[in-house]
Amino acid sequence: MRVRVGEEPAFVLHRYDWSETSLVLEVFTRHHGRIALVAKGVKRPTSQFRPVLLPLQPLQVSWTGDAEVRTLKSAQWQGGHVM
């Protein structure tokens, strides 16, 4: 069963290289706590996630999956101070 969570407030805690074009993110969310997400293709120059997935920035994230590492589907910056 694929679980989908949408528009969850979150902060990126850590970013790790996973492949040539992807990252594994550790994020802290309001309702789900600390979770791991894979952001596929995020290191490509044309990725919409590339400027958004910075550490300690307020985000709205959506993901799917019920495994230990879930798949990031969307991320939007929620304003605030850019580091």
PDB file of N, CA and C in Angstrom:
ATOM      1  N   MET A   1       0.839  -1.182   0.000  1.00  0.00           N
ATOM      2  CA  MET A   1       0.000   0.000   0.000  1.00  0.00           C
ATOM      3  C   MET A   1       0.883   1.244   0.000  1.00  0.00           C
ATOM      4  N   ARG A   2       0.660   2.156  -0.937  1.00  0.00           N
ATOM      5  CA  ARG A   2       1.424   3.393  -1.036  1.00  0.00           C
ATOM      6  C   ARG A   2       0.741   4.466  -0.205  1.00  0.00           C
ATOM      7  N   VAL A   3       1.449   4.971   0.766  1.00  0.00           N
ATOM      8  CA  VAL A   3       0.944   6.047   1.603  1.00  0.00           C
ATOM      9  C   VAL A   3       1.406   7.365   1.007  1.00  0.00           C
ATOM     10  N   ARG A   4       0.513   8.331   0.901  1.00  0.00           N
ATOM     11  CA  ARG A   4       0.872   9.668   0.401  1.00  0.00           C
ATOM     12  C   ARG A   4       0.571  10.693   1.481  1.00  0.00           C
ATOM     13  N   VAL A   5       1.568  11.488   1.797  1.00  0.00           N
ATOM     14  CA  VAL A   5       1.426  12.575   2.759  1.00  0.00           C
ATOM     15  C   VAL A   5       1.648  13.863   1.995  1.00  0.00           C
ATOM     16  N   GLY A   6       0.759  14.823   2.157  1.00  0.00           N
ATOM     17  CA  GLY A   6       0.847  16.067   1.407  1.00  0.00           C
ATOM     18  C   GLY A   6       0.929  17.292   2.284  1.00  0.00           C
ATOM     19  N   GLU A   7       1.692  18.264   1.821  1.00  0.00           N
ATOM     20  CA  GLU A   7       1.793  19.586   2.424  1.00  0.00           C
ATOM     21  C   GLU A   7       2.083  19.539   3.917  1.00  0.00           C
ATOM     22  N   GLU A   8       3.153  18.852   4.266  1.00  0.00           N
ATOM     23  CA  GLU A   8       3.579  18.721   5.657  1.00  0.00           C
ATOM     24  C   GLU A   8       4.686  19.752   5.933  1.00  0.00           C
ATOM     25  N   PRO A   9       4.536  20.584   6.969  1.00  0.00           N
ATOM     26  CA  PRO A   9       5.614  21.510   7.337  1.00  0.00           C
ATOM     27  C   PRO A   9       6.867  20.727   7.731  1.00  0.00           C
ATOM     28  N   ALA A  10       8.034  21.163   7.233  1.00  0.00           N
ATOM     29  CA  ALA A  10       9.266  20.403   7.485  1.00  0.00           C
ATOM     30  C   ALA A  10      10.500  21.285   7.372  1.00  0.00           C
ATOM     31  N   PHE A  11      11.600  20.763   7.908  1.00  0.00           N
ATOM     32  CA  PHE A  11      12.929  21.358   7.779  1.00  0.00           C
ATOM     33  C   PHE A  11      13.900  20.262   7.363  1.00  0.00           C
ATOM     34  N   VAL A  12      14.806  20.569   6.431  1.00  0.00           N
ATOM     35  CA  VAL A  12      15.856  19.626   6.057  1.00  0.00           C
ATOM     36  C   VAL A  12      16.942  19.701   7.127  1.00  0.00           C
ATOM     37  N   LEU A  13      17.282  18.547   7.724  1.00  0.00           N
ATOM     38  CA  LEU A  13      18.341  18.483   8.724  1.00  0.00           C
ATOM     39  C   LEU A  13      19.688  18.142   8.089  1.00  0.00           C
ATOM     40  N   HIS A  14      19.699  17.138   7.207  1.00  0.00           N
ATOM     41  CA  HIS A  14      20.927  16.679   6.547  1.00  0.00           C
ATOM     42  C   HIS A  14      20.619  16.282   5.113  1.00  0.00           C
ATOM     43  N   ARG A  15      21.642  16.378   4.251  1.00  0.00           N
ATOM     44  CA  ARG A  15      21.556  15.941   2.855  1.00  0.00           C
ATOM     45  C   ARG A  15      22.735  15.021   2.584  1.00  0.00           C
ATOM     46  N   TYR A  16      22.472  13.857   1.962  1.00  0.00           N
ATOM     47  CA  TYR A  16      23.517  12.891   1.627  1.00  0.00           C
ATOM     48  C   TYR A  16      23.403  12.522   0.158  1.00  0.00           C
ATOM     49  N   ASP A  17      24.550  12.409  -0.527  1.00  0.00           N
ATOM     50  CA  ASP A  17      24.542  11.933  -1.912  1.00  0.00           C
ATOM     51  C   ASP A  17      24.054  10.492  -1.938  1.00  0.00           C
ATOM     52  N   TRP A  18      23.180  10.183  -2.914  1.00  0.00           N
ATOM     53  CA  TRP A  18      22.666   8.826  -3.055  1.00  0.00           C
ATOM     54  C   TRP A  18      23.080   8.235  -4.399  1.00  0.00           C
ATOM     55  N   SER A  19      23.087   9.053  -5.415  1.00  0.00           N
ATOM     56  CA  SER A  19      23.541   8.636  -6.743  1.00  0.00           C
ATOM     57  C   SER A  19      24.049   9.883  -7.457  1.00  0.00           C
ATOM     58  N   GLU A  20      24.319   9.764  -8.743  1.00  0.00           N
ATOM     59  CA  GLU A  20      24.802  10.932  -9.498  1.00  0.00           C
ATOM     60  C   GLU A  20      23.813  12.084  -9.488  1.00  0.00           C
ATOM     61  N   THR A  21      22.528  11.784  -9.462  1.00  0.00           N
ATOM     62  CA  THR A  21      21.525  12.850  -9.576  1.00  0.00           C
ATOM     63  C   THR A  21      20.586  12.957  -8.382  1.00  0.00           C
ATOM     64  N   SER A  22      20.725  12.097  -7.388  1.00  0.00           N
ATOM     65  CA  SER A  22      19.759  12.070  -6.289  1.00  0.00           C
ATOM     66  C   SER A  22      20.410  12.278  -4.927  1.00  0.00           C
ATOM     67  N   LEU A  23      19.580  12.699  -3.976  1.00  0.00           N
ATOM     68  CA  LEU A  23      20.008  12.898  -2.594  1.00  0.00           C
ATOM     69  C   LEU A  23      19.086  12.135  -1.656  1.00  0.00           C
ATOM     70  N   VAL A  24      19.614  11.742  -0.504  1.00  0.00           N
ATOM     71  CA  VAL A  24      18.783  11.275   0.599  1.00  0.00           C
ATOM     72  C   VAL A  24      18.747  12.417   1.598  1.00  0.00           C
ATOM     73  N   LEU A  25      17.548  12.798   2.002  1.00  0.00           N
ATOM     74  CA  LEU A  25      17.352  13.897   2.943  1.00  0.00           C
ATOM     75  C   LEU A  25      16.845  13.369   4.265  1.00  0.00           C
ATOM     76  N   GLU A  26      17.362  13.884   5.348  1.00  0.00           N
ATOM     77  CA  GLU A  26      16.758  13.673   6.658  1.00  0.00           C
ATOM     78  C   GLU A  26      15.982  14.938   6.946  1.00  0.00           C
ATOM     79  N   VAL A  27      14.678  14.810   7.106  1.00  0.00           N
ATOM     80  CA  VAL A  27      13.842  15.972   7.381  1.00  0.00           C
ATOM     81  C   VAL A  27      13.116  15.789   8.709  1.00  0.00           C
ATOM     82  N   PHE A  28      12.819  16.909   9.344  1.00  0.00           N
ATOM     83  CA  PHE A  28      12.034  16.896  10.565  1.00  0.00           C
ATOM     84  C   PHE A  28      10.697  17.523  10.235  1.00  0.00           C
ATOM     85  N   THR A  29       9.609  16.770  10.445  1.00  0.00           N
ATOM     86  CA  THR A  29       8.271  17.251  10.117  1.00  0.00           C
ATOM     87  C   THR A  29       7.461  17.455  11.386  1.00  0.00           C
ATOM     88  N   ARG A  30       6.442  18.267  11.272  1.00  0.00           N
ATOM     89  CA  ARG A  30       5.606  18.589  12.422  1.00  0.00           C
ATOM     90  C   ARG A  30       4.844  17.372  12.949  1.00  0.00           C
ATOM     91  N   HIS A  31       4.246  16.591  12.069  1.00  0.00           N
ATOM     92  CA  HIS A  31       3.377  15.493  12.506  1.00  0.00           C
ATOM     93  C   HIS A  31       4.004  14.106  12.422  1.00  0.00           C
ATOM     94  N   HIS A  32       5.092  13.954  11.677  1.00  0.00           N
ATOM     95  CA  HIS A  32       5.695  12.637  11.468  1.00  0.00           C
ATOM     96  C   HIS A  32       7.089  12.517  12.062  1.00  0.00           C
ATOM     97  N   GLY A  33       7.613  13.585  12.645  1.00  0.00           N
ATOM     98  CA  GLY A  33       8.934  13.547  13.248  1.00  0.00           C
ATOM     99  C   GLY A  33      10.040  13.487  12.207  1.00  0.00           C
ATOM    100  N   ARG A  34      11.100  12.794  12.549  1.00  0.00           N
ATOM    101  CA  ARG A  34      12.278  12.704  11.681  1.00  0.00           C
ATOM    102  C   ARG A  34      12.106  11.544  10.711  1.00  0.00           C
ATOM    103  N   ILE A  35      12.202  11.834   9.407  1.00  0.00           N
ATOM    104  CA  ILE A  35      12.049  10.801   8.387  1.00  0.00           C
ATOM    105  C   ILE A  35      13.115  10.971   7.312  1.00  0.00           C
ATOM    106  N   ALA A  36      13.361   9.914   6.563  1.00  0.00           N
ATOM    107  CA  ALA A  36      14.299   9.938   5.443  1.00  0.00           C
ATOM    108  C   ALA A  36      13.516   9.960   4.137  1.00  0.00           C
ATOM    109  N   LEU A  37      13.929  10.843   3.237  1.00  0.00           N
ATOM    110  CA  LEU A  37      13.292  10.967   1.925  1.00  0.00           C
ATOM    111  C   LEU A  37      14.361  10.903   0.848  1.00  0.00           C
ATOM    112  N   VAL A  38      14.070  10.231  -0.246  1.00  0.00           N
ATOM    113  CA  VAL A  38      14.961  10.274  -1.400  1.00  0.00           C
ATOM    114  C   VAL A  38      14.398  11.303  -2.374  1.00  0.00           C
ATOM    115  N   ALA A  39      15.269  12.227  -2.789  1.00  0.00           N
ATOM    116  CA  ALA A  39      14.893  13.271  -3.748  1.00  0.00           C
ATOM    117  C   ALA A  39      15.561  12.899  -5.069  1.00  0.00           C
ATOM    118  N   LYS A  40      14.795  12.275  -5.947  1.00  0.00           N
ATOM    119  CA  LYS A  40      15.334  11.769  -7.220  1.00  0.00           C
ATOM    120  C   LYS A  40      15.553  12.906  -8.213  1.00  0.00           C
ATOM    121  N   GLY A  41      16.728  12.913  -8.829  1.00  0.00           N
ATOM    122  CA  GLY A  41      17.041  13.891  -9.871  1.00  0.00           C
ATOM    123  C   GLY A  41      17.294  15.297  -9.376  1.00  0.00           C
ATOM    124  N   VAL A  42      17.414  15.493  -8.083  1.00  0.00           N
ATOM    125  CA  VAL A  42      17.517  16.840  -7.527  1.00  0.00           C
ATOM    126  C   VAL A  42      18.846  17.533  -7.847  1.00  0.00           C
ATOM    127  N   LYS A  43      19.893  16.782  -8.187  1.00  0.00           N
ATOM    128  CA  LYS A  43      21.184  17.397  -8.496  1.00  0.00           C
ATOM    129  C   LYS A  43      21.321  17.800  -9.964  1.00  0.00           C
ATOM    130  N   ARG A  44      20.304  17.561 -10.754  1.00  0.00           N
ATOM    131  CA  ARG A  44      20.324  18.009 -12.151  1.00  0.00           C
ATOM    132  C   ARG A  44      20.166  19.534 -12.186  1.00  0.00           C
ATOM    133  N   PRO A  45      20.808  20.200 -13.142  1.00  0.00           N
ATOM    134  CA  PRO A  45      20.700  21.669 -13.224  1.00  0.00           C
ATOM    135  C   PRO A  45      19.275  22.172 -13.428  1.00  0.00           C
ATOM    136  N   THR A  46      18.401  21.376 -14.022  1.00  0.00           N
ATOM    137  CA  THR A  46      17.033  21.816 -14.303  1.00  0.00           C
ATOM    138  C   THR A  46      16.024  21.428 -13.214  1.00  0.00           C
ATOM    139  N   SER A  47      16.486  20.831 -12.119  1.00  0.00           N
ATOM    140  CA  SER A  47      15.582  20.373 -11.070  1.00  0.00           C
ATOM    141  C   SER A  47      14.907  21.543 -10.364  1.00  0.00           C
ATOM    142  N   GLN A  48      13.595  21.439 -10.164  1.00  0.00           N
ATOM    143  CA  GLN A  48      12.851  22.464  -9.435  1.00  0.00           C
ATOM    144  C   GLN A  48      13.152  22.425  -7.939  1.00  0.00           C
ATOM    145  N   PHE A  49      13.654  21.292  -7.448  1.00  0.00           N
ATOM    146  CA  PHE A  49      13.963  21.150  -6.022  1.00  0.00           C
ATOM    147  C   PHE A  49      15.329  21.722  -5.649  1.00  0.00           C
ATOM    148  N   ARG A  50      16.217  21.847  -6.611  1.00  0.00           N
ATOM    149  CA  ARG A  50      17.606  22.213  -6.335  1.00  0.00           C
ATOM    150  C   ARG A  50      17.753  23.466  -5.468  1.00  0.00           C
ATOM    151  N   PRO A  51      17.083  24.580  -5.750  1.00  0.00           N
ATOM    152  CA  PRO A  51      17.255  25.765  -4.902  1.00  0.00           C
ATOM    153  C   PRO A  51      16.437  25.729  -3.606  1.00  0.00           C
ATOM    154  N   VAL A  52      15.578  24.752  -3.443  1.00  0.00           N
ATOM    155  CA  VAL A  52      14.655  24.711  -2.306  1.00  0.00           C
ATOM    156  C   VAL A  52      15.166  23.851  -1.153  1.00  0.00           C
ATOM    157  N   LEU A  53      15.834  22.757  -1.447  1.00  0.00           N
ATOM    158  CA  LEU A  53      16.204  21.774  -0.425  1.00  0.00           C
ATOM    159  C   LEU A  53      17.501  22.134   0.294  1.00  0.00           C
ATOM    160  N   LEU A  54      17.472  23.249   0.989  1.00  0.00           N
ATOM    161  CA  LEU A  54      18.611  23.723   1.757  1.00  0.00           C
ATOM    162  C   LEU A  54      18.375  23.443   3.235  1.00  0.00           C
ATOM    163  N   PRO A  55      19.442  23.189   3.989  1.00  0.00           N
ATOM    164  CA  PRO A  55      19.273  22.892   5.413  1.00  0.00           C
ATOM    165  C   PRO A  55      18.622  24.041   6.184  1.00  0.00           C
ATOM    166  N   LEU A  56      17.754  23.661   7.125  1.00  0.00           N
ATOM    167  CA  LEU A  56      17.124  24.561   8.087  1.00  0.00           C
ATOM    168  C   LEU A  56      16.272  25.664   7.471  1.00  0.00           C
ATOM    169  N   GLN A  57      15.677  25.395   6.322  1.00  0.00           N
ATOM    170  CA  GLN A  57      14.747  26.331   5.698  1.00  0.00           C
ATOM    171  C   GLN A  57      13.331  25.796   5.862  1.00  0.00           C
ATOM    172  N   PRO A  58      12.350  26.656   6.158  1.00  0.00           N
ATOM    173  CA  PRO A  58      10.967  26.182   6.310  1.00  0.00           C
ATOM    174  C   PRO A  58      10.384  25.750   4.963  1.00  0.00           C
ATOM    175  N   LEU A  59       9.891  24.506   4.912  1.00  0.00           N
ATOM    176  CA  LEU A  59       9.355  23.929   3.677  1.00  0.00           C
ATOM    177  C   LEU A  59       7.979  23.331   3.912  1.00  0.00           C
ATOM    178  N   GLN A  60       7.248  23.123   2.831  1.00  0.00           N
ATOM    179  CA  GLN A  60       6.052  22.275   2.766  1.00  0.00           C
ATOM    180  C   GLN A  60       6.457  21.120   1.868  1.00  0.00           C
ATOM    181  N   VAL A  61       6.427  19.891   2.371  1.00  0.00           N
ATOM    182  CA  VAL A  61       6.843  18.742   1.571  1.00  0.00           C
ATOM    183  C   VAL A  61       5.711  17.733   1.443  1.00  0.00           C
ATOM    184  N   SER A  62       5.742  16.989   0.354  1.00  0.00           N
ATOM    185  CA  SER A  62       4.831  15.871   0.114  1.00  0.00           C
ATOM    186  C   SER A  62       5.677  14.671  -0.270  1.00  0.00           C
ATOM    187  N   TRP A  63       5.259  13.479   0.159  1.00  0.00           N
ATOM    188  CA  TRP A  63       6.003  12.266  -0.178  1.00  0.00           C
ATOM    189  C   TRP A  63       5.071  11.079  -0.267  1.00  0.00           C
ATOM    190  N   THR A  64       5.590  10.001  -0.861  1.00  0.00           N
ATOM    191  CA  THR A  64       4.862   8.736  -0.940  1.00  0.00           C
ATOM    192  C   THR A  64       5.747   7.632  -0.402  1.00  0.00           C
ATOM    193  N   GLY A  65       5.122   6.534  -0.057  1.00  0.00           N
ATOM    194  CA  GLY A  65       5.853   5.357   0.384  1.00  0.00           C
ATOM    195  C   GLY A  65       5.596   5.015   1.832  1.00  0.00           C
ATOM    196  N   ASP A  66       5.847   3.748   2.164  1.00  0.00           N
ATOM    197  CA  ASP A  66       5.677   3.287   3.538  1.00  0.00           C
ATOM    198  C   ASP A  66       6.920   2.543   4.016  1.00  0.00           C
ATOM    199  N   ALA A  67       8.013   2.615   3.230  1.00  0.00           N
ATOM    200  CA  ALA A  67       9.271   1.972   3.609  1.00  0.00           C
ATOM    201  C   ALA A  67      10.053   2.907   4.527  1.00  0.00           C
ATOM    202  N   GLU A  68      11.234   2.473   4.907  1.00  0.00           N
ATOM    203  CA  GLU A  68      12.071   3.283   5.784  1.00  0.00           C
ATOM    204  C   GLU A  68      12.498   4.589   5.107  1.00  0.00           C
ATOM    205  N   VAL A  69      12.785   4.530   3.796  1.00  0.00           N
ATOM    206  CA  VAL A  69      13.122   5.716   3.022  1.00  0.00           C
ATOM    207  C   VAL A  69      11.993   5.954   2.031  1.00  0.00           C
ATOM    208  N   ARG A  70      11.353   7.104   2.135  1.00  0.00           N
ATOM    209  CA  ARG A  70      10.214   7.431   1.272  1.00  0.00           C
ATOM    210  C   ARG A  70      10.673   8.296   0.107  1.00  0.00           C
ATOM    211  N   THR A  71       9.784   8.552  -0.852  1.00  0.00           N
ATOM    212  CA  THR A  71      10.119   9.304  -2.056  1.00  0.00           C
ATOM    213  C   THR A  71       9.496  10.688  -2.010  1.00  0.00           C
ATOM    214  N   LEU A  72      10.333  11.711  -2.105  1.00  0.00           N
ATOM    215  CA  LEU A  72       9.879  13.094  -2.122  1.00  0.00           C
ATOM    216  C   LEU A  72       9.121  13.367  -3.419  1.00  0.00           C
ATOM    217  N   LYS A  73       7.941  13.963  -3.333  1.00  0.00           N
ATOM    218  CA  LYS A  73       7.149  14.300  -4.513  1.00  0.00           C
ATOM    219  C   LYS A  73       7.087  15.798  -4.764  1.00  0.00           C
ATOM    220  N   SER A  74       7.063  16.615  -3.708  1.00  0.00           N
ATOM    221  CA  SER A  74       7.063  18.066  -3.894  1.00  0.00           C
ATOM    222  C   SER A  74       7.670  18.735  -2.674  1.00  0.00           C
ATOM    223  N   ALA A  75       8.209  19.919  -2.905  1.00  0.00           N
ATOM    224  CA  ALA A  75       8.774  20.729  -1.826  1.00  0.00           C
ATOM    225  C   ALA A  75       8.638  22.193  -2.218  1.00  0.00           C
ATOM    226  N   GLN A  76       8.116  22.988  -1.300  1.00  0.00           N
ATOM    227  CA  GLN A  76       7.958  24.415  -1.539  1.00  0.00           C
ATOM    228  C   GLN A  76       8.514  25.182  -0.357  1.00  0.00           C
ATOM    229  N   TRP A  77       9.271  26.226  -0.658  1.00  0.00           N
ATOM    230  CA  TRP A  77       9.834  27.082   0.379  1.00  0.00           C
ATOM    231  C   TRP A  77       8.711  27.907   1.000  1.00  0.00           C
ATOM    232  N   GLN A  78       8.714  28.042   2.314  1.00  0.00           N
ATOM    233  CA  GLN A  78       7.648  28.758   3.013  1.00  0.00           C
ATOM    234  C   GLN A  78       8.051  30.125   3.503  1.00  0.00           C
ATOM    235  N   GLY A  79       9.105  30.676   2.954  1.00  0.00           N
ATOM    236  CA  GLY A  79       9.532  32.022   3.343  1.00  0.00           C
ATOM    237  C   GLY A  79      10.467  31.988   4.526  1.00  0.00           C
ATOM    238  N   GLY A  80      10.756  33.159   5.040  1.00  0.00           N
ATOM    239  CA  GLY A  80      11.696  33.261   6.147  1.00  0.00           C
ATOM    240  C   GLY A  80      13.041  33.736   5.637  1.00  0.00           C
ATOM    241  N   HIS A  81      14.039  33.655   6.489  1.00  0.00           N
ATOM    242  CA  HIS A  81      15.388  34.125   6.160  1.00  0.00           C
ATOM    243  C   HIS A  81      16.154  33.038   5.430  1.00  0.00           C
ATOM    244  N   VAL A  82      16.760  33.401   4.318  1.00  0.00           N
ATOM    245  CA  VAL A  82      17.594  32.470   3.568  1.00  0.00           C
ATOM    246  C   VAL A  82      18.976  32.474   4.191  1.00  0.00           C
ATOM    247  N   MET A  83      19.534  31.265   4.409  1.00  0.00           N
ATOM    248  CA  MET A  83      20.873  31.177   5.008  1.00  0.00           C
ATOM    249  C   MET A  83      21.930  31.513   3.985  1.00  0.00           C
TER     250      MET A  83
END
